[in-house]
All heavy atoms as atom14 arrays in JSON, in Angstrom:
{
  "sequence": "VMVTVPSEAADNPLLVRELVRAGMDVMRINCAHDDPSAWMRMVENLR",
  "atom14_mask": [
    [1, 1, 1, 1, 1, 1, 1, 0, 0, 0, 0, 0, 0, 0],
    [1, 1, 1, 1, 1, 1, 1, 1, 0, 0, 0, 0, 0, 0],
    [1, 1, 1, 1, 1, 1, 1, 0, 0, 0, 0, 0, 0, 0],
    [1, 1, 1, 1, 1, 1, 1, 0, 0, 0, 0, 0, 0, 0],
    [1, 1, 1, 1, 1, 1, 1, 0, 0, 0, 0, 0, 0, 0],
    [1, 1, 1, 1, 1, 1, 1, 0, 0, 0, 0, 0, 0, 0],
    [1, 1, 1, 1, 1, 1, 0, 0, 0, 0, 0, 0, 0, 0],
    [1, 1, 1, 1, 1, 1, 1, 1, 1, 0, 0, 0, 0, 0],
    [1, 1, 1, 1, 1, 0, 0, 0, 0, 0, 0, 0, 0, 0],
    [1, 1, 1, 1, 1, 0, 0, 0, 0, 0, 0, 0, 0, 0],
    [1, 1, 1, 1, 1, 1, 1, 1, 0, 0, 0, 0, 0, 0],
    [1, 1, 1, 1, 1, 1, 1, 1, 0, 0, 0, 0, 0, 0],
    [1, 1, 1, 1, 1, 1, 1, 0, 0, 0, 0, 0, 0, 0],
    [1, 1, 1, 1, 1, 1, 1, 1, 0, 0, 0, 0, 0, 0],
    [1, 1, 1, 1, 1, 1, 1, 1, 0, 0, 0, 0, 0, 0],
    [1, 1, 1, 1, 1, 1, 1, 0, 0, 0, 0, 0, 0, 0],
    [1, 1, 1, 1, 1, 1, 1, 1, 1, 1, 1, 0, 0, 0],
    [1, 1, 1, 1, 1, 1, 1, 1, 1, 0, 0, 0, 0, 0],
    [1, 1, 1, 1, 1, 1, 1, 1, 0, 0, 0, 0, 0, 0],
    [1, 1, 1, 1, 1, 1, 1, 0, 0, 0, 0, 0, 0, 0],
    [1, 1, 1, 1, 1, 1, 1, 1, 1, 1, 1, 0, 0, 0],
    [1, 1, 1, 1, 1, 0, 0, 0, 0, 0, 0, 0, 0, 0],
    [1, 1, 1, 1, 0, 0, 0, 0, 0, 0, 0, 0, 0, 0],
    [1, 1, 1, 1, 1, 1, 1, 1, 0, 0, 0, 0, 0, 0],
    [1, 1, 1, 1, 1, 1, 1, 1, 0, 0, 0, 0, 0, 0],
    [1, 1, 1, 1, 1, 1, 1, 0, 0, 0, 0, 0, 0, 0],
    [1, 1, 1, 1, 1, 1, 1, 1, 0, 0, 0, 0, 0, 0],
    [1, 1, 1, 1, 1, 1, 1, 1, 1, 1, 1, 0, 0, 0],
    [1, 1, 1, 1, 1, 1, 1, 1, 0, 0, 0, 0, 0, 0],
    [1, 1, 1, 1, 1, 1, 1, 1, 0, 0, 0, 0, 0, 0],
    [1, 1, 1, 1, 1, 1, 0, 0, 0, 0, 0, 0, 0, 0],
    [1, 1, 1, 1, 1, 0, 0, 0, 0, 0, 0, 0, 0, 0],
    [1, 1, 1, 1, 1, 1, 1, 1, 1, 1, 0, 0, 0, 0],
    [1, 1, 1, 1, 1, 1, 1, 1, 0, 0, 0, 0, 0, 0],
    [1, 1, 1, 1, 1, 1, 1, 1, 0, 0, 0, 0, 0, 0],
    [1, 1, 1, 1, 1, 1, 1, 0, 0, 0, 0, 0, 0, 0],
    [1, 1, 1, 1, 1, 1, 0, 0, 0, 0, 0, 0, 0, 0],
    [1, 1, 1, 1, 1, 0, 0, 0, 0, 0, 0, 0, 0, 0],
    [1, 1, 1, 1, 1, 1, 1, 1, 1, 1, 1, 1, 1, 1],
    [1, 1, 1, 1, 1, 1, 1, 1, 0, 0, 0, 0, 0, 0],
    [1, 1, 1, 1, 1, 1, 1, 1, 1, 1, 1, 0, 0, 0],
    [1, 1, 1, 1, 1, 1, 1, 1, 0, 0, 0, 0, 0, 0],
    [1, 1, 1, 1, 1, 1, 1, 0, 0, 0, 0, 0, 0, 0],
    [1, 1, 1, 1, 1, 1, 1, 1, 1, 0, 0, 0, 0, 0],
    [1, 1, 1, 1, 1, 1, 1, 1, 0, 0, 0, 0, 0, 0],
    [1, 1, 1, 1, 1, 1, 1, 1, 0, 0, 0, 0, 0, 0],
    [1, 1, 1, 1, 1, 1, 1, 1, 1, 1, 1, 0, 0, 0]
  ],
  "atom14_positions": [
    [[91.01, 109.28, 109.81], [89.57, 109.03, 109.89], [89.15, 108.26, 108.65], [89.4, 108.69, 107.52], [88.77, 110.35, 110.0], [87.27, 110.06, 109.93], [89.12, 111.08, 111.29], [0.0, 0.0, 0.0], [0.0, 0.0, 0.0], [0.0, 0.0, 0.0], [0.0, 0.0, 0.0], [0.0, 0.0, 0.0], [0.0, 0.0, 0.0], [0.0, 0.0, 0.0]],
    [[88.53, 107.11, 108.88], [87.99, 106.29, 107.8], [86.47, 106.4, 107.85], [85.87, 106.46, 108.92], [88.42, 104.82, 107.98], [87.84, 103.85, 106.97], [88.3, 102.11, 107.31], [90.06, 102.18, 107.0], [0.0, 0.0, 0.0], [0.0, 0.0, 0.0], [0.0, 0.0, 0.0], [0.0, 0.0, 0.0], [0.0, 0.0, 0.0], [0.0, 0.0, 0.0]],
    [[85.83, 106.43, 106.69], [84.37, 106.54, 106.62], [83.83, 105.46, 105.7], [84.29, 105.29, 104.57], [83.93, 107.92, 106.1], [82.4, 107.99, 106.03], [84.47, 109.03, 106.99], [0.0, 0.0, 0.0], [0.0, 0.0, 0.0], [0.0, 0.0, 0.0], [0.0, 0.0, 0.0], [0.0, 0.0, 0.0], [0.0, 0.0, 0.0], [0.0, 0.0, 0.0]],
    [[82.83, 104.72, 106.21], [82.09, 103.77, 105.37], [81.05, 104.57, 104.6], [80.11, 105.1, 105.19], [81.39, 102.71, 106.23], [82.36, 102.01, 107.0], [80.64, 101.73, 105.35], [0.0, 0.0, 0.0], [0.0, 0.0, 0.0], [0.0, 0.0, 0.0], [0.0, 0.0, 0.0], [0.0, 0.0, 0.0], [0.0, 0.0, 0.0], [0.0, 0.0, 0.0]],
    [[81.22, 104.67, 103.3], [80.31, 105.52, 102.52], [79.03, 104.76, 102.2], [79.04, 103.54, 102.0], [80.98, 106.02, 101.23], [82.09, 106.99, 101.54], [81.51, 104.87, 100.39], [0.0, 0.0, 0.0], [0.0, 0.0, 0.0], [0.0, 0.0, 0.0], [0.0, 0.0, 0.0], [0.0, 0.0, 0.0], [0.0, 0.0, 0.0], [0.0, 0.0, 0.0]],
    [[77.89, 105.46, 102.16], [76.62, 104.82, 101.83], [76.49, 104.61, 100.33], [77.29, 105.11, 99.52], [75.6, 105.84, 102.33], [76.29, 107.15, 102.16], [77.75, 106.89, 102.45], [0.0, 0.0, 0.0], [0.0, 0.0, 0.0], [0.0, 0.0, 0.0], [0.0, 0.0, 0.0], [0.0, 0.0, 0.0], [0.0, 0.0, 0.0], [0.0, 0.0, 0.0]],
    [[75.44, 103.9, 99.94], [75.17, 103.67, 98.51], [75.04, 104.99, 97.76], [75.4, 105.08, 96.58], [73.88, 102.86, 98.36], [73.99, 101.61, 99.03], [0.0, 0.0, 0.0], [0.0, 0.0, 0.0], [0.0, 0.0, 0.0], [0.0, 0.0, 0.0], [0.0, 0.0, 0.0], [0.0, 0.0, 0.0], [0.0, 0.0, 0.0], [0.0, 0.0, 0.0]],
    [[74.56, 106.01, 98.45], [74.35, 107.32, 97.83], [75.64, 107.91, 97.27], [75.61, 108.72, 96.34], [73.75, 108.26, 98.88], [73.44, 109.65, 98.37], [73.06, 110.59, 99.49], [72.92, 110.13, 100.64], [72.92, 111.8, 99.22], [0.0, 0.0, 0.0], [0.0, 0.0, 0.0], [0.0, 0.0, 0.0], [0.0, 0.0, 0.0], [0.0, 0.0, 0.0]],
    [[76.8, 107.49, 97.82], [78.07, 108.04, 97.37], [78.36, 107.73, 95.91], [79.19, 108.4, 95.28], [79.21, 107.51, 98.24], [0.0, 0.0, 0.0], [0.0, 0.0, 0.0], [0.0, 0.0, 0.0], [0.0, 0.0, 0.0], [0.0, 0.0, 0.0], [0.0, 0.0, 0.0], [0.0, 0.0, 0.0], [0.0, 0.0, 0.0], [0.0, 0.0, 0.0]],
    [[77.67, 106.73, 95.36], [77.87, 106.39, 93.95], [77.31, 107.45, 93.01], [77.84, 107.67, 91.91], [77.25, 105.03, 93.64], [0.0, 0.0, 0.0], [0.0, 0.0, 0.0], [0.0, 0.0, 0.0], [0.0, 0.0, 0.0], [0.0, 0.0, 0.0], [0.0, 0.0, 0.0], [0.0, 0.0, 0.0], [0.0, 0.0, 0.0], [0.0, 0.0, 0.0]],
    [[76.25, 108.12, 93.44], [75.56, 109.07, 92.56], [75.44, 110.47, 93.15], [74.71, 111.3, 92.61], [74.17, 108.52, 92.22], [74.24, 107.16, 91.54], [74.93, 107.05, 90.52], [73.63, 106.21, 92.07], [0.0, 0.0, 0.0], [0.0, 0.0, 0.0], [0.0, 0.0, 0.0], [0.0, 0.0, 0.0], [0.0, 0.0, 0.0], [0.0, 0.0, 0.0]],
    [[76.15, 110.71, 94.25], [76.11, 112.03, 94.87], [77.53, 112.51, 95.09], [78.09, 112.38, 96.19], [75.34, 111.97, 96.2], [75.14, 113.34, 96.82], [75.76, 114.33, 96.39], [74.3, 113.42, 97.83], [0.0, 0.0, 0.0], [0.0, 0.0, 0.0], [0.0, 0.0, 0.0], [0.0, 0.0, 0.0], [0.0, 0.0, 0.0], [0.0, 0.0, 0.0]],
    [[78.17, 113.08, 94.07], [79.55, 113.54, 94.22], [79.72, 114.61, 95.28], [80.78, 114.73, 95.89], [79.9, 114.08, 92.83], [78.6, 114.3, 92.13], [77.64, 113.31, 92.71], [0.0, 0.0, 0.0], [0.0, 0.0, 0.0], [0.0, 0.0, 0.0], [0.0, 0.0, 0.0], [0.0, 0.0, 0.0], [0.0, 0.0, 0.0], [0.0, 0.0, 0.0]],
    [[78.66, 115.38, 95.54], [78.75, 116.43, 96.56], [78.97, 115.82, 97.94], [79.75, 116.34, 98.75], [77.49, 117.3, 96.56], [77.46, 118.43, 97.62], [78.63, 119.39, 97.43], [76.12, 119.16, 97.57], [0.0, 0.0, 0.0], [0.0, 0.0, 0.0], [0.0, 0.0, 0.0], [0.0, 0.0, 0.0], [0.0, 0.0, 0.0], [0.0, 0.0, 0.0]],
    [[78.29, 114.71, 98.23], [78.46, 114.04, 99.52], [79.92, 113.61, 99.7], [80.53, 113.84, 100.76], [77.54, 112.83, 99.62], [77.79, 111.88, 100.81], [77.58, 112.62, 102.13], [76.9, 110.65, 100.72], [0.0, 0.0, 0.0], [0.0, 0.0, 0.0], [0.0, 0.0, 0.0], [0.0, 0.0, 0.0], [0.0, 0.0, 0.0], [0.0, 0.0, 0.0]],
    [[80.49, 113.0, 98.68], [81.88, 112.54, 98.76], [82.81, 113.73, 98.94], [83.76, 113.69, 99.75], [82.25, 111.72, 97.51], [83.71, 111.29, 97.57], [81.34, 110.51, 97.39], [0.0, 0.0, 0.0], [0.0, 0.0, 0.0], [0.0, 0.0, 0.0], [0.0, 0.0, 0.0], [0.0, 0.0, 0.0], [0.0, 0.0, 0.0], [0.0, 0.0, 0.0]],
    [[82.56, 114.79, 98.21], [83.4, 115.99, 98.32], [83.34, 116.57, 99.73], [84.37, 116.97, 100.29], [82.95, 117.04, 97.31], [83.88, 118.25, 97.2], [83.32, 119.26, 96.2], [84.29, 120.3, 95.9], [84.54, 121.35, 96.66], [83.87, 121.51, 97.79], [85.44, 122.24, 96.3], [0.0, 0.0, 0.0], [0.0, 0.0, 0.0], [0.0, 0.0, 0.0]],
    [[82.14, 116.6, 100.31], [81.99, 117.13, 101.66], [82.71, 116.26, 102.69], [83.25, 116.76, 103.67], [80.5, 117.25, 102.02], [79.81, 118.44, 101.37], [80.42, 119.74, 101.86], [80.2, 120.11, 103.03], [81.14, 120.38, 101.07], [0.0, 0.0, 0.0], [0.0, 0.0, 0.0], [0.0, 0.0, 0.0], [0.0, 0.0, 0.0], [0.0, 0.0, 0.0]],
    [[82.72, 114.95, 102.48], [83.43, 114.05, 103.4], [84.94, 114.31, 103.33], [85.62, 114.33, 104.36], [83.13, 112.59, 103.05], [81.72, 112.1, 103.42], [81.47, 110.72, 102.83], [81.55, 112.07, 104.94], [0.0, 0.0, 0.0], [0.0, 0.0, 0.0], [0.0, 0.0, 0.0], [0.0, 0.0, 0.0], [0.0, 0.0, 0.0], [0.0, 0.0, 0.0]],
    [[85.45, 114.5, 102.14], [86.88, 114.78, 101.99], [87.21, 116.13, 102.62], [88.2, 116.28, 103.35], [87.29, 114.75, 100.51], [88.75, 115.18, 100.34], [87.09, 113.36, 99.93], [0.0, 0.0, 0.0], [0.0, 0.0, 0.0], [0.0, 0.0, 0.0], [0.0, 0.0, 0.0], [0.0, 0.0, 0.0], [0.0, 0.0, 0.0], [0.0, 0.0, 0.0]],
    [[86.36, 117.11, 102.38], [86.58, 118.43, 102.98], [86.56, 118.36, 104.5], [87.35, 119.02, 105.19], [85.5, 119.41, 102.5], [85.65, 120.81, 103.09], [84.33, 121.55, 103.16], [83.32, 120.84, 103.91], [83.31, 120.75, 105.25], [84.25, 121.32, 105.97], [82.34, 120.1, 105.86], [0.0, 0.0, 0.0], [0.0, 0.0, 0.0], [0.0, 0.0, 0.0]],
    [[85.66, 117.54, 105.06], [85.52, 117.45, 106.51], [86.7, 116.73, 107.16], [86.91, 116.86, 108.37], [84.22, 116.74, 106.87], [0.0, 0.0, 0.0], [0.0, 0.0, 0.0], [0.0, 0.0, 0.0], [0.0, 0.0, 0.0], [0.0, 0.0, 0.0], [0.0, 0.0, 0.0], [0.0, 0.0, 0.0], [0.0, 0.0, 0.0], [0.0, 0.0, 0.0]],
    [[87.46, 115.95, 106.37], [88.64, 115.31, 106.94], [88.72, 113.81, 106.75], [89.54, 113.15, 107.41], [0.0, 0.0, 0.0], [0.0, 0.0, 0.0], [0.0, 0.0, 0.0], [0.0, 0.0, 0.0], [0.0, 0.0, 0.0], [0.0, 0.0, 0.0], [0.0, 0.0, 0.0], [0.0, 0.0, 0.0], [0.0, 0.0, 0.0], [0.0, 0.0, 0.0]],
    [[87.93, 113.22, 105.87], [88.03, 111.79, 105.6], [89.39, 111.47, 104.98], [89.77, 112.06, 103.98], [86.9, 111.34, 104.66], [86.96, 109.86, 104.27], [85.54, 109.32, 103.29], [85.86, 110.18, 101.72], [0.0, 0.0, 0.0], [0.0, 0.0, 0.0], [0.0, 0.0, 0.0], [0.0, 0.0, 0.0], [0.0, 0.0, 0.0], [0.0, 0.0, 0.0]],
    [[90.13, 110.54, 105.6], [91.44, 110.14, 105.1], [91.39, 108.83, 104.33], [92.25, 108.58, 103.48], [92.43, 109.99, 106.26], [92.58, 111.26, 107.06], [93.12, 112.24, 106.52], [92.14, 111.29, 108.23], [0.0, 0.0, 0.0], [0.0, 0.0, 0.0], [0.0, 0.0, 0.0], [0.0, 0.0, 0.0], [0.0, 0.0, 0.0], [0.0, 0.0, 0.0]],
    [[90.41, 107.98, 104.65], [90.26, 106.69, 103.97], [88.77, 106.47, 103.71], [87.95, 106.6, 104.64], [90.8, 105.52, 104.82], [90.71, 104.21, 104.04], [92.24, 105.77, 105.26], [0.0, 0.0, 0.0], [0.0, 0.0, 0.0], [0.0, 0.0, 0.0], [0.0, 0.0, 0.0], [0.0, 0.0, 0.0], [0.0, 0.0, 0.0], [0.0, 0.0, 0.0]],
    [[88.43, 106.16, 102.48], [87.04, 105.84, 102.13], [86.89, 104.31, 102.12], [87.61, 103.62, 101.4], [86.67, 106.41, 100.76], [85.22, 106.15, 100.39], [84.7, 106.97, 98.84], [85.39, 105.84, 97.62], [0.0, 0.0, 0.0], [0.0, 0.0, 0.0], [0.0, 0.0, 0.0], [0.0, 0.0, 0.0], [0.0, 0.0, 0.0], [0.0, 0.0, 0.0]],
    [[85.97, 103.81, 102.92], [85.72, 102.37, 102.98], [84.51, 102.02, 102.12], [83.42, 102.55, 102.32], [85.46, 101.91, 104.41], [85.05, 100.44, 104.53], [84.88, 100.03, 105.98], [84.36, 98.67, 106.1], [83.13, 98.35, 106.48], [82.25, 99.32, 106.75], [82.75, 97.09, 106.56], [0.0, 0.0, 0.0], [0.0, 0.0, 0.0], [0.0, 0.0, 0.0]],
    [[84.73, 101.12, 101.18], [83.66, 100.59, 100.34], [83.31, 99.21, 100.87], [84.15, 98.3, 100.86], [84.08, 100.52, 98.87], [84.35, 101.92, 98.32], [83.02, 99.81, 98.03], [84.91, 101.93, 96.91], [0.0, 0.0, 0.0], [0.0, 0.0, 0.0], [0.0, 0.0, 0.0], [0.0, 0.0, 0.0], [0.0, 0.0, 0.0], [0.0, 0.0, 0.0]],
    [[82.1, 99.03, 101.32], [81.64, 97.76, 101.89], [81.06, 96.88, 100.79], [79.99, 97.16, 100.27], [80.6, 98.03, 102.98], [80.19, 96.76, 103.71], [80.65, 95.66, 103.38], [79.33, 96.9, 104.7], [0.0, 0.0, 0.0], [0.0, 0.0, 0.0], [0.0, 0.0, 0.0], [0.0, 0.0, 0.0], [0.0, 0.0, 0.0], [0.0, 0.0, 0.0]],
    [[81.78, 95.82, 100.46], [81.36, 94.97, 99.35], [80.17, 94.08, 99.7], [79.7, 93.32, 98.85], [82.52, 94.1, 98.87], [83.82, 95.04, 98.06], [0.0, 0.0, 0.0], [0.0, 0.0, 0.0], [0.0, 0.0, 0.0], [0.0, 0.0, 0.0], [0.0, 0.0, 0.0], [0.0, 0.0, 0.0], [0.0, 0.0, 0.0], [0.0, 0.0, 0.0]],
    [[79.69, 94.17, 100.93], [78.46, 93.45, 101.28], [77.24, 94.17, 100.71], [76.12, 93.62, 100.76], [78.34, 93.33, 102.8], [0.0, 0.0, 0.0], [0.0, 0.0, 0.0], [0.0, 0.0, 0.0], [0.0, 0.0, 0.0], [0.0, 0.0, 0.0], [0.0, 0.0, 0.0], [0.0, 0.0, 0.0], [0.0, 0.0, 0.0], [0.0, 0.0, 0.0]],
    [[77.44, 95.38, 100.19], [76.34, 96.15, 99.63], [76.71, 96.65, 98.23], [77.88, 96.78, 97.89], [76.0, 97.34, 100.52], [75.65, 96.96, 101.93], [74.45, 96.38, 102.27], [76.36, 97.07, 103.09], [74.43, 96.15, 103.57], [75.57, 96.55, 104.09], [0.0, 0.0, 0.0], [0.0, 0.0, 0.0], [0.0, 0.0, 0.0], [0.0, 0.0, 0.0]],
    [[75.71, 96.92, 97.42], [75.88, 97.48, 96.08], [76.64, 96.51, 95.16], [76.66, 95.3, 95.41], [76.56, 98.85, 96.16], [75.82, 99.8, 97.09], [74.61, 99.96, 96.91], [76.45, 100.35, 98.01], [0.0, 0.0, 0.0], [0.0, 0.0, 0.0], [0.0, 0.0, 0.0], [0.0, 0.0, 0.0], [0.0, 0.0, 0.0], [0.0, 0.0, 0.0]],
    [[77.26, 97.04, 94.11], [77.92, 96.17, 93.12], [79.11, 96.91, 92.53], [79.31, 98.11, 92.79], [76.93, 95.77, 92.02], [76.26, 96.96, 91.34], [76.94, 98.01, 91.18], [75.09, 96.88, 90.98], [0.0, 0.0, 0.0], [0.0, 0.0, 0.0], [0.0, 0.0, 0.0], [0.0, 0.0, 0.0], [0.0, 0.0, 0.0], [0.0, 0.0, 0.0]],
    [[79.95, 96.22, 91.72], [81.15, 96.88, 91.18], [80.87, 98.16, 90.41], [81.68, 99.1, 90.47], [81.76, 95.8, 90.27], [81.34, 94.51, 90.91], [79.94, 94.77, 91.42], [0.0, 0.0, 0.0], [0.0, 0.0, 0.0], [0.0, 0.0, 0.0], [0.0, 0.0, 0.0], [0.0, 0.0, 0.0], [0.0, 0.0, 0.0], [0.0, 0.0, 0.0]],
    [[79.75, 98.22, 89.71], [79.44, 99.44, 88.97], [79.27, 100.62, 89.92], [79.8, 101.71, 89.69], [78.16, 99.24, 88.15], [77.76, 100.45, 87.53], [0.0, 0.0, 0.0], [0.0, 0.0, 0.0], [0.0, 0.0, 0.0], [0.0, 0.0, 0.0], [0.0, 0.0, 0.0], [0.0, 0.0, 0.0], [0.0, 0.0, 0.0], [0.0, 0.0, 0.0]],
    [[78.53, 100.41, 91.0], [78.34, 101.48, 91.99], [79.65, 101.82, 92.68], [79.95, 103.0, 92.93], [77.28, 101.07, 93.01], [0.0, 0.0, 0.0], [0.0, 0.0, 0.0], [0.0, 0.0, 0.0], [0.0, 0.0, 0.0], [0.0, 0.0, 0.0], [0.0, 0.0, 0.0], [0.0, 0.0, 0.0], [0.0, 0.0, 0.0], [0.0, 0.0, 0.0]],
    [[80.45, 100.81, 93.0], [81.74, 101.06, 93.68], [82.66, 101.9, 92.8], [83.35, 102.79, 93.29], [82.41, 99.74, 94.03], [81.57, 98.83, 94.86], [80.58, 99.18, 95.73], [81.63, 97.4, 94.89], [80.01, 98.07, 96.3], [80.63, 96.96, 95.81], [82.41, 96.44, 94.24], [80.41, 95.61, 96.09], [82.2, 95.11, 94.52], [81.21, 94.7, 95.43]],
    [[82.64, 101.62, 91.5], [83.49, 102.39, 90.58], [83.06, 103.86, 90.54], [83.89, 104.76, 90.47], [83.44, 101.78, 89.18], [84.29, 100.55, 89.02], [86.06, 100.93, 89.23], [86.79, 99.35, 88.79], [0.0, 0.0, 0.0], [0.0, 0.0, 0.0], [0.0, 0.0, 0.0], [0.0, 0.0, 0.0], [0.0, 0.0, 0.0], [0.0, 0.0, 0.0]],
    [[81.75, 104.11, 90.61], [81.28, 105.49, 90.61], [81.68, 106.18, 91.92], [81.99, 107.38, 91.93], [79.76, 105.53, 90.42], [79.31, 104.98, 89.07], [77.91, 105.45, 88.69], [76.89, 105.06, 89.64], [76.29, 103.87, 89.68], [76.64, 102.92, 88.82], [75.35, 103.61, 90.57], [0.0, 0.0, 0.0], [0.0, 0.0, 0.0], [0.0, 0.0, 0.0]],
    [[81.69, 105.44, 93.02], [82.18, 106.01, 94.28], [83.64, 106.43, 94.15], [84.04, 107.5, 94.6], [82.04, 104.98, 95.41], [80.62, 104.61, 95.77], [80.59, 103.28, 97.02], [78.82, 102.92, 97.08], [0.0, 0.0, 0.0], [0.0, 0.0, 0.0], [0.0, 0.0, 0.0], [0.0, 0.0, 0.0], [0.0, 0.0, 0.0], [0.0, 0.0, 0.0]],
    [[84.45, 105.55, 93.53], [85.87, 105.84, 93.32], [86.03, 107.08, 92.45], [86.84, 107.97, 92.75], [86.58, 104.63, 92.69], [88.01, 104.99, 92.29], [86.59, 103.45, 93.66], [0.0, 0.0, 0.0], [0.0, 0.0, 0.0], [0.0, 0.0, 0.0], [0.0, 0.0, 0.0], [0.0, 0.0, 0.0], [0.0, 0.0, 0.0], [0.0, 0.0, 0.0]],
    [[85.27, 107.15, 91.37], [85.37, 108.31, 90.47], [84.99, 109.6, 91.21], [85.65, 110.64, 91.03], [84.44, 108.1, 89.27], [84.9, 106.97, 88.34], [83.83, 106.61, 87.33], [82.76, 107.27, 87.34], [84.06, 105.67, 86.54], [0.0, 0.0, 0.0], [0.0, 0.0, 0.0], [0.0, 0.0, 0.0], [0.0, 0.0, 0.0], [0.0, 0.0, 0.0]],
    [[83.95, 109.54, 92.04], [83.56, 110.73, 92.79], [84.64, 111.15, 93.78], [84.88, 112.35, 94.0], [82.25, 110.48, 93.53], [81.05, 110.42, 92.59], [81.09, 110.97, 91.49], [79.99, 109.75, 93.01], [0.0, 0.0, 0.0], [0.0, 0.0, 0.0], [0.0, 0.0, 0.0], [0.0, 0.0, 0.0], [0.0, 0.0, 0.0], [0.0, 0.0, 0.0]],
    [[85.31, 110.17, 94.38], [86.39, 110.5, 95.31], [87.57, 111.14, 94.58], [88.11, 112.16, 95.04], [86.85, 109.24, 96.04], [88.04, 109.46, 96.98], [87.63, 110.33, 98.16], [88.62, 108.15, 97.47], [0.0, 0.0, 0.0], [0.0, 0.0, 0.0], [0.0, 0.0, 0.0], [0.0, 0.0, 0.0], [0.0, 0.0, 0.0], [0.0, 0.0, 0.0]],
    [[87.98, 110.55, 93.46], [89.13, 111.1, 92.73], [88.84, 112.52, 92.26], [89.72, 113.39, 92.25], [89.47, 110.19, 91.55], [89.9, 108.77, 91.95], [90.97, 108.76, 93.01], [91.43, 107.41, 93.33], [91.97, 107.07, 94.49], [92.14, 107.96, 95.45], [92.36, 105.82, 94.7], [0.0, 0.0, 0.0], [0.0, 0.0, 0.0], [0.0, 0.0, 0.0]]
  ]
}
């Protein structure tokens, strides 16, 4: 299961944690939205 995460995933670690708990196997970062700084925070929340 792949999930396109919203912009909120950059600043809401609980959302990312809940997605992983629910069964997300791949997190998709859509580069058509947000910026590298936000994407990096999404990555940090996932790790």
